[in-house]
């Protein structure tokens, strides 16, 4: 029974981490394509920012997924998402960009909710 009470937290860890781990792996698999995409938006130092993005996505995703320093992981992912959203997803004349902006905003909201949780209330309590 106590595992069922923890299931929503575990599920949220997996779902939030998955998008960042998959995205980071995609950047590793196609660094040239990612740097071209970044350059198309006028970003300088695309190689440097690509490495930063991979570290933040993979590192933050793993921290959230495993639960070790999970709040630090959530902070790293927020640090990644805010500039990413503002740089790549603010052309509101395109419906897909509006959707991406809202998706990232929702993920940021979920990460803030994750940060605000009290870990003492995550434990199963018979009382």
Protein backbone atom coordinates (compact mmCIF):
# COMPACT_ATOMS: atom_id res chain seq x y z
CA UNK A 1 0.00 0.00 0.00
CA UNK A 2 2.79 2.42 0.85
CA UNK A 3 4.22 1.99 -2.67
CA UNK A 4 0.94 3.13 -4.20
CA UNK A 5 1.18 6.39 -2.27
CA UNK A 6 4.66 6.99 -3.70
CA UNK A 7 3.70 6.03 -7.26
CA UNK A 8 2.67 9.56 -8.35
CA UNK A 9 6.05 10.96 -7.28
CA UNK A 10 7.96 8.17 -9.04
CA UNK A 11 5.83 8.55 -12.15
CA UNK A 12 6.37 12.32 -12.19
CA UNK A 13 10.13 11.79 -11.94
CA UNK A 14 10.11 9.43 -14.93
CA UNK A 15 7.83 11.61 -17.08
CA UNK A 16 9.66 14.86 -16.40
CA UNK A 17 13.12 13.31 -16.76
CA UNK A 18 12.27 11.42 -19.96
CA UNK A 19 11.80 14.51 -22.12
CA UNK A 20 15.19 15.91 -21.07
CA UNK A 21 17.09 12.63 -21.32
CA UNK A 22 15.69 11.92 -24.79
CA UNK A 23 16.33 15.49 -25.94
CA UNK A 24 19.89 15.45 -24.58
CA UNK A 25 20.56 12.11 -26.27
CA UNK A 26 19.27 13.58 -29.53
CA UNK A 27 21.72 16.45 -29.23
CA UNK A 28 24.55 13.97 -28.68
CA UNK A 29 23.42 11.93 -31.69
CA UNK A 30 23.24 14.96 -34.03
CA UNK A 31 25.46 17.76 -32.72
CA UNK A 32 25.90 19.35 -36.16
CA UNK A 33 22.14 19.53 -36.75
CA UNK A 34 21.60 20.99 -33.28
CA UNK A 35 24.29 23.63 -33.76
CA UNK A 36 22.80 24.56 -37.15
CA UNK A 37 19.38 24.94 -35.52
CA UNK A 38 20.91 27.13 -32.82
CA UNK A 39 22.77 29.24 -35.38
CA UNK A 40 19.55 29.71 -37.37
CA UNK A 41 18.20 31.54 -34.31
CA UNK A 42 21.27 33.77 -34.13
CA UNK A 43 22.99 32.06 -31.22
CA UNK A 44 26.74 32.62 -30.98
CA UNK A 45 29.17 29.99 -29.67
CA UNK A 46 26.89 27.14 -30.65
CA UNK A 47 29.44 24.46 -29.71
CA UNK A 48 29.77 25.85 -26.19
CA UNK A 49 26.01 26.22 -25.71
CA UNK A 50 25.43 22.73 -27.13
CA UNK A 51 27.73 21.22 -24.50
CA UNK A 52 25.97 23.29 -21.80
CA UNK A 53 22.56 22.12 -23.02
CA UNK A 54 23.62 18.47 -23.00
CA UNK A 55 25.06 18.75 -19.49
CA UNK A 56 21.96 20.50 -18.15
CA UNK A 57 19.49 18.15 -19.84
CA UNK A 58 21.25 14.85 -19.13
CA UNK A 59 22.58 15.87 -15.72
CA UNK A 60 19.37 17.50 -14.52
CA UNK A 61 17.27 14.70 -15.98
CA UNK A 62 19.30 12.03 -14.20
CA UNK A 63 19.18 13.90 -10.88
CA UNK A 64 15.40 14.23 -11.08
CA UNK A 65 14.96 10.63 -12.25
CA UNK A 66 17.10 9.05 -9.55
CA UNK A 67 15.97 11.31 -6.72
CA UNK A 68 19.57 12.12 -5.72
CA UNK A 69 19.85 15.89 -5.42
CA UNK A 70 16.51 16.00 -7.23
CA UNK A 71 15.81 19.63 -6.33
CA UNK A 72 19.19 20.62 -7.77
CA UNK A 73 18.22 18.70 -10.91
CA UNK A 74 14.93 20.60 -11.11
CA UNK A 75 16.81 23.90 -10.77
CA UNK A 76 19.21 22.91 -13.56
CA UNK A 77 16.30 22.02 -15.83
CA UNK A 78 14.57 25.34 -15.11
CA UNK A 79 17.88 27.10 -15.82
CA UNK A 80 17.93 25.31 -19.18
CA UNK A 81 14.25 25.81 -20.06
CA UNK A 82 13.84 29.53 -19.45
CA UNK A 83 16.39 30.78 -22.00
CA UNK A 84 15.56 27.92 -24.38
CA UNK A 85 11.91 28.90 -24.36
CA UNK A 86 12.64 32.60 -24.79
CA UNK A 87 15.15 32.08 -27.61
CA UNK A 88 13.46 29.38 -29.67
CA UNK A 89 9.73 29.55 -28.97
CA UNK A 90 8.52 33.15 -29.02
CA UNK A 91 7.37 33.46 -32.64
CA UNK A 92 3.70 33.52 -31.74
CA UNK A 93 2.69 33.90 -35.38
CA UNK A 94 3.36 30.14 -35.68
CA UNK A 95 0.92 27.81 -33.94
CA UNK A 96 3.62 25.18 -33.30
CA UNK A 97 5.79 27.74 -31.52
CA UNK A 98 2.87 28.73 -29.29
CA UNK A 99 2.42 25.06 -28.40
CA UNK A 100 6.15 24.66 -27.67
CA UNK A 101 6.13 27.82 -25.55
CA UNK A 102 3.15 26.58 -23.55
CA UNK A 103 4.61 23.07 -23.21
CA UNK A 104 7.87 24.45 -21.84
CA UNK A 105 5.96 26.81 -19.54
CA UNK A 106 3.96 23.86 -18.19
CA UNK A 107 7.14 21.86 -17.61
CA UNK A 108 8.67 24.83 -15.77
CA UNK A 109 5.51 24.96 -13.63
CA UNK A 110 5.81 21.25 -12.89
CA UNK A 111 9.45 21.68 -11.92
CA UNK A 112 8.55 24.57 -9.60
CA UNK A 113 5.87 22.39 -8.02
CA UNK A 114 8.47 19.67 -7.60
CA UNK A 115 10.77 22.20 -5.89
CA UNK A 116 8.04 23.30 -3.50
CA UNK A 117 7.18 19.83 -2.21
CA UNK A 118 8.11 18.89 1.33
CA UNK A 119 10.17 15.69 1.24
CA UNK A 120 9.00 14.82 4.75
CA UNK A 121 5.45 14.49 3.42
CA UNK A 122 6.60 12.11 0.67
CA UNK A 123 7.16 9.33 3.15
CA UNK A 124 4.44 6.84 3.91
CA UNK A 125 2.92 7.49 7.30
CA UNK A 126 0.44 5.13 8.98
CA UNK A 127 -0.92 7.90 11.23
